[in-house]
PDB file of N, CA and C in Angstrom:
ATOM      1  N   UNK A   1      -9.302 -11.958 -28.604  1.00  0.00           N
ATOM      2  CA  UNK A   1      -9.767 -11.398 -27.515  1.00  0.00           C
ATOM      3  C   UNK A   1      -9.937  -9.966 -27.852  1.00  0.00           C
ATOM      4  N   UNK A   2     -11.092  -9.312 -27.432  1.00  0.00           N
ATOM      5  CA  UNK A   2     -11.487  -8.032 -27.711  1.00  0.00           C
ATOM      6  C   UNK A   2     -10.769  -7.073 -26.812  1.00  0.00           C
ATOM      7  N   UNK A   3     -10.116  -5.952 -27.392  1.00  0.00           N
ATOM      8  CA  UNK A   3      -9.284  -5.048 -26.426  1.00  0.00           C
ATOM      9  C   UNK A   3     -10.286  -3.930 -25.839  1.00  0.00           C
ATOM     10  N   UNK A   4     -11.274  -3.488 -26.541  1.00  0.00           N
ATOM     11  CA  UNK A   4     -12.087  -2.362 -26.103  1.00  0.00           C
ATOM     12  C   UNK A   4     -13.553  -2.857 -25.655  1.00  0.00           C
ATOM     13  N   UNK A   5     -13.908  -2.483 -24.431  1.00  0.00           N
ATOM     14  CA  UNK A   5     -15.296  -2.923 -24.093  1.00  0.00           C
ATOM     15  C   UNK A   5     -16.131  -1.676 -23.663  1.00  0.00           C
ATOM     16  N   UNK A   6     -17.310  -1.866 -23.901  1.00  0.00           N
ATOM     17  CA  UNK A   6     -18.235  -0.776 -23.386  1.00  0.00           C
ATOM     18  C   UNK A   6     -18.860  -1.100 -22.099  1.00  0.00           C
ATOM     19  N   UNK A   7     -19.541  -0.386 -21.591  1.00  0.00           N
ATOM     20  CA  UNK A   7     -20.317  -0.618 -20.290  1.00  0.00           C
ATOM     21  C   UNK A   7     -21.221  -1.864 -20.382  1.00  0.00           C
ATOM     22  N   UNK A   8     -21.847  -2.087 -21.636  1.00  0.00           N
ATOM     23  CA  UNK A   8     -22.713  -3.098 -21.799  1.00  0.00           C
ATOM     24  C   UNK A   8     -22.004  -4.403 -21.951  1.00  0.00           C
ATOM     25  N   UNK A   9     -20.683  -4.287 -22.283  1.00  0.00           N
ATOM     26  CA  UNK A   9     -19.974  -5.537 -22.751  1.00  0.00           C
ATOM     27  C   UNK A   9     -19.227  -6.060 -21.521  1.00  0.00           C
ATOM     28  N   UNK A  10     -19.166  -5.395 -20.398  1.00  0.00           N
ATOM     29  CA  UNK A  10     -18.397  -5.798 -19.074  1.00  0.00           C
ATOM     30  C   UNK A  10     -18.981  -7.073 -18.721  1.00  0.00           C
ATOM     31  N   UNK A  11     -20.286  -7.287 -18.641  1.00  0.00           N
ATOM     32  CA  UNK A  11     -20.880  -8.615 -18.133  1.00  0.00           C
ATOM     33  C   UNK A  11     -20.434  -9.631 -19.028  1.00  0.00           C
ATOM     34  N   UNK A  12     -20.028  -9.540 -20.056  1.00  0.00           N
ATOM     35  CA  UNK A  12     -19.561 -10.604 -21.116  1.00  0.00           C
ATOM     36  C   UNK A  12     -18.041 -11.046 -20.988  1.00  0.00           C
ATOM     37  N   UNK A  13     -17.281 -10.246 -20.000  1.00  0.00           N
ATOM     38  CA  UNK A  13     -15.985 -10.720 -19.806  1.00  0.00           C
ATOM     39  C   UNK A  13     -15.777 -12.004 -19.186  1.00  0.00           C
ATOM     40  N   UNK A  14     -14.923 -12.814 -19.580  1.00  0.00           N
ATOM     41  CA  UNK A  14     -14.681 -13.991 -18.794  1.00  0.00           C
ATOM     42  C   UNK A  14     -13.816 -13.762 -17.632  1.00  0.00           C
ATOM     43  N   UNK A  15     -14.434 -13.597 -16.472  1.00  0.00           N
ATOM     44  CA  UNK A  15     -13.527 -13.268 -15.353  1.00  0.00           C
ATOM     45  C   UNK A  15     -12.763 -14.360 -14.757  1.00  0.00           C
ATOM     46  N   UNK A  16     -13.176 -15.601 -15.059  1.00  0.00           N
ATOM     47  CA  UNK A  16     -12.354 -16.817 -14.564  1.00  0.00           C
ATOM     48  C   UNK A  16     -10.961 -16.926 -15.188  1.00  0.00           C
ATOM     49  N   UNK A  17     -10.797 -16.440 -16.412  1.00  0.00           N
ATOM     50  CA  UNK A  17      -9.491 -16.360 -17.012  1.00  0.00           C
ATOM     51  C   UNK A  17      -8.611 -15.078 -16.646  1.00  0.00           C
ATOM     52  N   UNK A  18      -9.263 -14.056 -16.165  1.00  0.00           N
ATOM     53  CA  UNK A  18      -8.604 -12.893 -15.733  1.00  0.00           C
ATOM     54  C   UNK A  18      -8.126 -13.039 -14.290  1.00  0.00           C
ATOM     55  N   UNK A  19      -9.020 -13.453 -13.465  1.00  0.00           N
ATOM     56  CA  UNK A  19      -8.576 -13.393 -11.868  1.00  0.00           C
ATOM     57  C   UNK A  19      -7.471 -14.032 -11.683  1.00  0.00           C
ATOM     58  N   UNK A  20      -6.920 -15.245 -12.116  1.00  0.00           N
ATOM     59  CA  UNK A  20      -5.528 -15.733 -11.662  1.00  0.00           C
ATOM     60  C   UNK A  20      -4.355 -14.794 -11.989  1.00  0.00           C
ATOM     61  N   UNK A  21      -4.580 -13.874 -12.767  1.00  0.00           N
ATOM     62  CA  UNK A  21      -3.674 -12.858 -13.084  1.00  0.00           C
ATOM     63  C   UNK A  21      -3.770 -11.591 -12.136  1.00  0.00           C
ATOM     64  N   UNK A  22      -4.944 -11.301 -11.760  1.00  0.00           N
ATOM     65  CA  UNK A  22      -5.179 -10.099 -10.953  1.00  0.00           C
ATOM     66  C   UNK A  22      -4.998 -10.391  -9.516  1.00  0.00           C
ATOM     67  N   UNK A  23      -5.385 -11.648  -9.004  1.00  0.00           N
ATOM     68  CA  UNK A  23      -5.192 -11.920  -7.623  1.00  0.00           C
ATOM     69  C   UNK A  23      -3.799 -11.761  -6.959  1.00  0.00           C
ATOM     70  N   UNK A  24      -2.806 -12.284  -7.637  1.00  0.00           N
ATOM     71  CA  UNK A  24      -1.463 -11.964  -7.102  1.00  0.00           C
ATOM     72  C   UNK A  24      -1.101 -10.468  -6.862  1.00  0.00           C
ATOM     73  N   UNK A  25      -1.469  -9.781  -7.773  1.00  0.00           N
ATOM     74  CA  UNK A  25      -1.162  -8.323  -7.698  1.00  0.00           C
ATOM     75  C   UNK A  25      -1.909  -7.664  -6.538  1.00  0.00           C
ATOM     76  N   UNK A  26      -3.260  -8.022  -6.256  1.00  0.00           N
ATOM     77  CA  UNK A  26      -3.925  -7.587  -5.283  1.00  0.00           C
ATOM     78  C   UNK A  26      -3.430  -8.056  -3.931  1.00  0.00           C
ATOM     79  N   UNK A  27      -3.008  -9.232  -3.797  1.00  0.00           N
ATOM     80  CA  UNK A  27      -2.467  -9.824  -2.490  1.00  0.00           C
ATOM     81  C   UNK A  27      -1.043  -9.258  -2.196  1.00  0.00           C
ATOM     82  N   UNK A  28      -0.201  -8.974  -3.125  1.00  0.00           N
ATOM     83  CA  UNK A  28       0.866  -8.162  -2.994  1.00  0.00           C
ATOM     84  C   UNK A  28       0.595  -6.749  -2.456  1.00  0.00           C
ATOM     85  N   UNK A  29      -0.201  -6.096  -3.063  1.00  0.00           N
ATOM     86  CA  UNK A  29      -0.474  -4.749  -2.612  1.00  0.00           C
ATOM     87  C   UNK A  29      -1.096  -4.755  -1.200  1.00  0.00           C
ATOM     88  N   UNK A  30      -2.084  -5.686  -0.971  1.00  0.00           N
ATOM     89  CA  UNK A  30      -2.527  -5.751   0.391  1.00  0.00           C
ATOM     90  C   UNK A  30      -1.438  -6.147   1.426  1.00  0.00           C
ATOM     91  N   UNK A  31      -0.593  -6.916   1.022  1.00  0.00           N
ATOM     92  CA  UNK A  31       0.397  -7.331   2.024  1.00  0.00           C
ATOM     93  C   UNK A  31       1.436  -6.141   2.248  1.00  0.00           C
ATOM     94  N   UNK A  32       1.828  -5.280   1.161  1.00  0.00           N
ATOM     95  CA  UNK A  32       2.451  -4.115   1.411  1.00  0.00           C
ATOM     96  C   UNK A  32       1.901  -3.127   2.165  1.00  0.00           C
ATOM     97  N   UNK A  33       0.584  -2.933   2.206  1.00  0.00           N
ATOM     98  CA  UNK A  33      -0.207  -1.982   3.012  1.00  0.00           C
ATOM     99  C   UNK A  33      -0.168  -2.536   4.570  1.00  0.00           C
ATOM    100  N   UNK A  34      -0.433  -3.725   4.648  1.00  0.00           N
ATOM    101  CA  UNK A  34      -0.416  -4.361   5.962  1.00  0.00           C
ATOM    102  C   UNK A  34       0.964  -4.176   6.613  1.00  0.00           C
ATOM    103  N   UNK A  35       2.001  -4.652   5.946  1.00  0.00           N
ATOM    104  CA  UNK A  35       3.324  -4.609   6.625  1.00  0.00           C
ATOM    105  C   UNK A  35       3.738  -3.073   6.852  1.00  0.00           C
ATOM    106  N   UNK A  36       3.287  -2.207   6.052  1.00  0.00           N
ATOM    107  CA  UNK A  36       3.816  -0.874   6.247  1.00  0.00           C
ATOM    108  C   UNK A  36       2.793  -0.114   7.477  1.00  0.00           C
ATOM    109  N   UNK A  37       1.714  -0.424   7.501  1.00  0.00           N
ATOM    110  CA  UNK A  37       0.726  -0.049   8.735  1.00  0.00           C
ATOM    111  C   UNK A  37       1.392  -0.596  10.071  1.00  0.00           C
ATOM    112  N   UNK A  38       1.631  -1.885   9.993  1.00  0.00           N
ATOM    113  CA  UNK A  38       2.209  -2.557  11.251  1.00  0.00           C
ATOM    114  C   UNK A  38       3.539  -1.934  11.709  1.00  0.00           C
ATOM    115  N   UNK A  39       4.427  -1.693  10.726  1.00  0.00           N
ATOM    116  CA  UNK A  39       5.787  -1.123  10.965  1.00  0.00           C
ATOM    117  C   UNK A  39       5.473   0.348  11.630  1.00  0.00           C
ATOM    118  N   UNK A  40       4.531   1.228  10.971  1.00  0.00           N
ATOM    119  CA  UNK A  40       4.232   2.434  11.344  1.00  0.00           C
ATOM    120  C   UNK A  40       3.632   2.444  12.683  1.00  0.00           C
ATOM    121  N   UNK A  41       2.683   1.464  13.143  1.00  0.00           N
ATOM    122  CA  UNK A  41       2.121   1.437  14.429  1.00  0.00           C
ATOM    123  C   UNK A  41       3.185   1.072  15.529  1.00  0.00           C
ATOM    124  N   UNK A  42       4.098   0.230  15.136  1.00  0.00           N
ATOM    125  CA  UNK A  42       5.091  -0.176  16.106  1.00  0.00           C
ATOM    126  C   UNK A  42       6.014   1.015  16.400  1.00  0.00           C
ATOM    127  N   UNK A  43       6.295   1.869  15.531  1.00  0.00           N
ATOM    128  CA  UNK A  43       7.347   2.766  15.624  1.00  0.00           C
ATOM    129  C   UNK A  43       6.673   4.262  15.613  1.00  0.00           C
ATOM    130  N   UNK A  44       5.394   4.247  16.182  1.00  0.00           N
ATOM    131  CA  UNK A  44       4.578   5.577  16.203  1.00  0.00           C
ATOM    132  C   UNK A  44       5.137   6.605  17.093  1.00  0.00           C
ATOM    133  N   UNK A  45       6.008   6.187  18.314  1.00  0.00           N
ATOM    134  CA  UNK A  45       6.522   7.000  19.056  1.00  0.00           C
ATOM    135  C   UNK A  45       7.725   7.744  18.613  1.00  0.00           C
ATOM    136  N   UNK A  46       8.393   7.240  17.616  1.00  0.00           N
ATOM    137  CA  UNK A  46       9.602   7.777  16.971  1.00  0.00           C
ATOM    138  C   UNK A  46       9.492   8.237  15.561  1.00  0.00           C
ATOM    139  N   UNK A  47       8.216   8.117  15.166  1.00  0.00           N
ATOM    140  CA  UNK A  47       7.850   8.633  13.684  1.00  0.00           C
ATOM    141  C   UNK A  47       7.258  10.083  13.831  1.00  0.00           C
ATOM    142  N   UNK A  48       7.631  10.997  12.938  1.00  0.00           N
ATOM    143  CA  UNK A  48       6.758  12.172  12.918  1.00  0.00           C
ATOM    144  C   UNK A  48       5.746  11.918  11.739  1.00  0.00           C
ATOM    145  N   UNK A  49       4.589  12.725  11.751  1.00  0.00           N
ATOM    146  CA  UNK A  49       3.521  12.706  10.801  1.00  0.00           C
ATOM    147  C   UNK A  49       2.953  11.458  10.651  1.00  0.00           C
ATOM    148  N   UNK A  50       2.526  10.866  11.847  1.00  0.00           N
ATOM    149  CA  UNK A  50       1.971   9.340  11.597  1.00  0.00           C
ATOM    150  C   UNK A  50       0.685   9.406  10.886  1.00  0.00           C
ATOM    151  N   UNK A  51      -0.045  10.409  11.132  1.00  0.00           N
ATOM    152  CA  UNK A  51      -1.437  10.550  10.394  1.00  0.00           C
ATOM    153  C   UNK A  51      -1.338  10.727   8.984  1.00  0.00           C
ATOM    154  N   UNK A  52      -0.342  11.409   8.609  1.00  0.00           N
ATOM    155  CA  UNK A  52      -0.153  11.720   7.130  1.00  0.00           C
ATOM    156  C   UNK A  52       0.368  10.459   6.470  1.00  0.00           C
ATOM    157  N   UNK A  53       1.341   9.779   7.211  1.00  0.00           N
ATOM    158  CA  UNK A  53       1.773   8.476   6.634  1.00  0.00           C
ATOM    159  C   UNK A  53       0.699   7.469   6.522  1.00  0.00           C
ATOM    160  N   UNK A  54      -0.211   7.417   7.534  1.00  0.00           N
ATOM    161  CA  UNK A  54      -1.312   6.535   7.490  1.00  0.00           C
ATOM    162  C   UNK A  54      -2.292   6.721   6.075  1.00  0.00           C
ATOM    163  N   UNK A  55      -2.518   8.026   6.000  1.00  0.00           N
ATOM    164  CA  UNK A  55      -3.341   8.401   4.967  1.00  0.00           C
ATOM    165  C   UNK A  55      -2.650   7.968   3.599  1.00  0.00           C
ATOM    166  N   UNK A  56      -1.300   8.337   3.517  1.00  0.00           N
ATOM    167  CA  UNK A  56      -0.514   7.972   2.238  1.00  0.00           C
ATOM    168  C   UNK A  56      -0.652   6.535   1.953  1.00  0.00           C
ATOM    169  N   UNK A  57      -0.346   5.697   3.037  1.00  0.00           N
ATOM    170  CA  UNK A  57      -0.223   4.284   2.939  1.00  0.00           C
ATOM    171  C   UNK A  57      -1.480   3.726   2.506  1.00  0.00           C
ATOM    172  N   UNK A  58      -2.627   4.124   3.097  1.00  0.00           N
ATOM    173  CA  UNK A  58      -3.911   3.512   2.846  1.00  0.00           C
ATOM    174  C   UNK A  58      -4.607   3.995   1.361  1.00  0.00           C
ATOM    175  N   UNK A  59      -4.362   5.350   1.042  1.00  0.00           N
ATOM    176  CA  UNK A  59      -5.050   5.891  -0.120  1.00  0.00           C
ATOM    177  C   UNK A  59      -4.289   5.759  -1.424  1.00  0.00           C
ATOM    178  N   UNK A  60      -2.945   5.568  -1.320  1.00  0.00           N
ATOM    179  CA  UNK A  60      -2.094   5.420  -2.399  1.00  0.00           C
ATOM    180  C   UNK A  60      -1.620   4.006  -2.557  1.00  0.00           C
ATOM    181  N   UNK A  61      -2.441   3.147  -2.879  1.00  0.00           N
ATOM    182  CA  UNK A  61      -2.402   1.571  -2.572  1.00  0.00           C
ATOM    183  C   UNK A  61      -0.887   0.930  -2.802  1.00  0.00           C
ATOM    184  N   UNK A  62      -0.478   1.084  -3.776  1.00  0.00           N
ATOM    185  CA  UNK A  62       0.919   0.432  -4.075  1.00  0.00           C
ATOM    186  C   UNK A  62       2.119   1.516  -3.794  1.00  0.00           C
ATOM    187  N   UNK A  63       1.996   2.570  -4.309  1.00  0.00           N
ATOM    188  CA  UNK A  63       3.125   3.565  -4.309  1.00  0.00           C
ATOM    189  C   UNK A  63       3.189   3.970  -2.769  1.00  0.00           C
ATOM    190  N   UNK A  64       2.171   4.031  -2.039  1.00  0.00           N
ATOM    191  CA  UNK A  64       2.161   4.560  -0.572  1.00  0.00           C
ATOM    192  C   UNK A  64       3.087   3.912   0.293  1.00  0.00           C
ATOM    193  N   UNK A  65       2.813   2.458   0.468  1.00  0.00           N
ATOM    194  CA  UNK A  65       3.739   1.671   1.211  1.00  0.00           C
ATOM    195  C   UNK A  65       5.244   1.802   0.702  1.00  0.00           C
ATOM    196  N   UNK A  66       5.440   1.863  -0.495  1.00  0.00           N
ATOM    197  CA  UNK A  66       6.875   1.910  -0.927  1.00  0.00           C
ATOM    198  C   UNK A  66       7.449   3.342  -0.637  1.00  0.00           C
ATOM    199  N   UNK A  67       6.646   4.211  -0.742  1.00  0.00           N
ATOM    200  CA  UNK A  67       7.252   5.558  -0.301  1.00  0.00           C
ATOM    201  C   UNK A  67       7.445   5.662   1.192  1.00  0.00           C
ATOM    202  N   UNK A  68       6.631   5.086   1.993  1.00  0.00           N
ATOM    203  CA  UNK A  68       6.838   4.941   3.485  1.00  0.00           C
ATOM    204  C   UNK A  68       8.088   4.261   3.717  1.00  0.00           C
ATOM    205  N   UNK A  69       8.310   3.057   3.169  1.00  0.00           N
ATOM    206  CA  UNK A  69       9.531   2.423   3.435  1.00  0.00           C
ATOM    207  C   UNK A  69      10.856   3.043   2.915  1.00  0.00           C
ATOM    208  N   UNK A  70      10.847   3.905   1.881  1.00  0.00           N
ATOM    209  CA  UNK A  70      11.817   4.603   1.274  1.00  0.00           C
ATOM    210  C   UNK A  70      12.229   5.868   2.090  1.00  0.00           C
ATOM    211  N   UNK A  71      10.997   6.684   2.282  1.00  0.00           N
ATOM    212  CA  UNK A  71      11.251   7.994   2.788  1.00  0.00           C
ATOM    213  C   UNK A  71      10.837   8.072   4.392  1.00  0.00           C
ATOM    214  N   UNK A  72       9.653   7.433   4.612  1.00  0.00           N
ATOM    215  CA  UNK A  72       9.051   7.587   5.928  1.00  0.00           C
ATOM    216  C   UNK A  72       9.748   7.064   7.090  1.00  0.00           C
ATOM    217  N   UNK A  73      10.640   5.963   6.851  1.00  0.00           N
ATOM    218  CA  UNK A  73      11.357   5.322   7.965  1.00  0.00           C
ATOM    219  C   UNK A  73      12.460   6.184   8.407  1.00  0.00           C
ATOM    220  N   UNK A  74      12.980   7.227   7.540  1.00  0.00           N
ATOM    221  CA  UNK A  74      14.014   8.088   7.758  1.00  0.00           C
ATOM    222  C   UNK A  74      13.467   9.279   8.692  1.00  0.00           C
ATOM    223  N   UNK A  75      12.028   9.367   8.653  1.00  0.00           N
ATOM    224  CA  UNK A  75      11.468  10.449   9.300  1.00  0.00           C
ATOM    225  C   UNK A  75      11.448  10.169  10.748  1.00  0.00           C
ATOM    226  N   UNK A  76      12.605  10.403  11.492  1.00  0.00           N
ATOM    227  CA  UNK A  76      12.489  10.001  12.983  1.00  0.00           C
ATOM    228  C   UNK A  76      12.417  11.338  13.809  1.00  0.00           C
ATOM    229  N   UNK A  77      11.662  11.158  14.917  1.00  0.00           N
ATOM    230  CA  UNK A  77      11.473  12.242  15.853  1.00  0.00           C
ATOM    231  C   UNK A  77      12.840  12.579  16.561  1.00  0.00           C
ATOM    232  N   UNK A  78      12.928  13.878  16.794  1.00  0.00           N
ATOM    233  CA  UNK A  78      14.333  14.311  17.325  1.00  0.00           C
ATOM    234  C   UNK A  78      14.224  14.056  18.779  1.00  0.00           C
ATOM    235  N   UNK A  79      13.102  14.048  19.377  1.00  0.00           N
ATOM    236  CA  UNK A  79      12.947  13.660  20.906  1.00  0.00           C
ATOM    237  C   UNK A  79      13.151  12.342  21.416  1.00  0.00           C
ATOM    238  N   UNK A  80      12.978  11.528  20.315  1.00  0.00           N
ATOM    239  CA  UNK A  80      13.102   9.968  20.607  1.00  0.00           C
ATOM    240  C   UNK A  80      14.490   9.548  21.305  1.00  0.00           C
ATOM    241  N   UNK A  81      14.533   8.771  22.245  1.00  0.00           N
ATOM    242  CA  UNK A  81      15.773   8.237  22.638  1.00  0.00           C
ATOM    243  C   UNK A  81      16.312   7.258  21.801  1.00  0.00           C
ATOM    244  N   UNK A  82      17.682   7.259  21.635  1.00  0.00           N
ATOM    245  CA  UNK A  82      18.379   6.321  20.773  1.00  0.00           C
ATOM    246  C   UNK A  82      19.432   5.544  21.548  1.00  0.00           C
ATOM    247  N   UNK A  83      19.659   4.475  21.143  1.00  0.00           N
ATOM    248  CA  UNK A  83      20.716   3.579  21.870  1.00  0.00           C
ATOM    249  C   UNK A  83      22.075   4.056  21.311  1.00  0.00           C
ATOM    250  N   UNK A  84      22.805   4.379  22.457  1.00  0.00           N
ATOM    251  CA  UNK A  84      24.314   4.806  22.209  1.00  0.00           C
ATOM    252  C   UNK A  84      25.274   3.903  22.546  1.00  0.00           C
TER     253      UNK A  84
END
């Protein structure tokens, strides 16, 4: 298998052998984005910087949702009511 391709050689790539490897990664990335956006939408009243987190989740495909789940869920609005 050739490791370096030019622009004219891209049409000669056997995509049927590469797609089974690429598709699971694309699906996991899409699922991460979808779950992060749903969680952000559900808790939009208690989260700060909703617009910024939306941009991070959508434009930084794999690392954006991971950052949201690690950092963004701690970003709670101080005016939100909490169960005591």
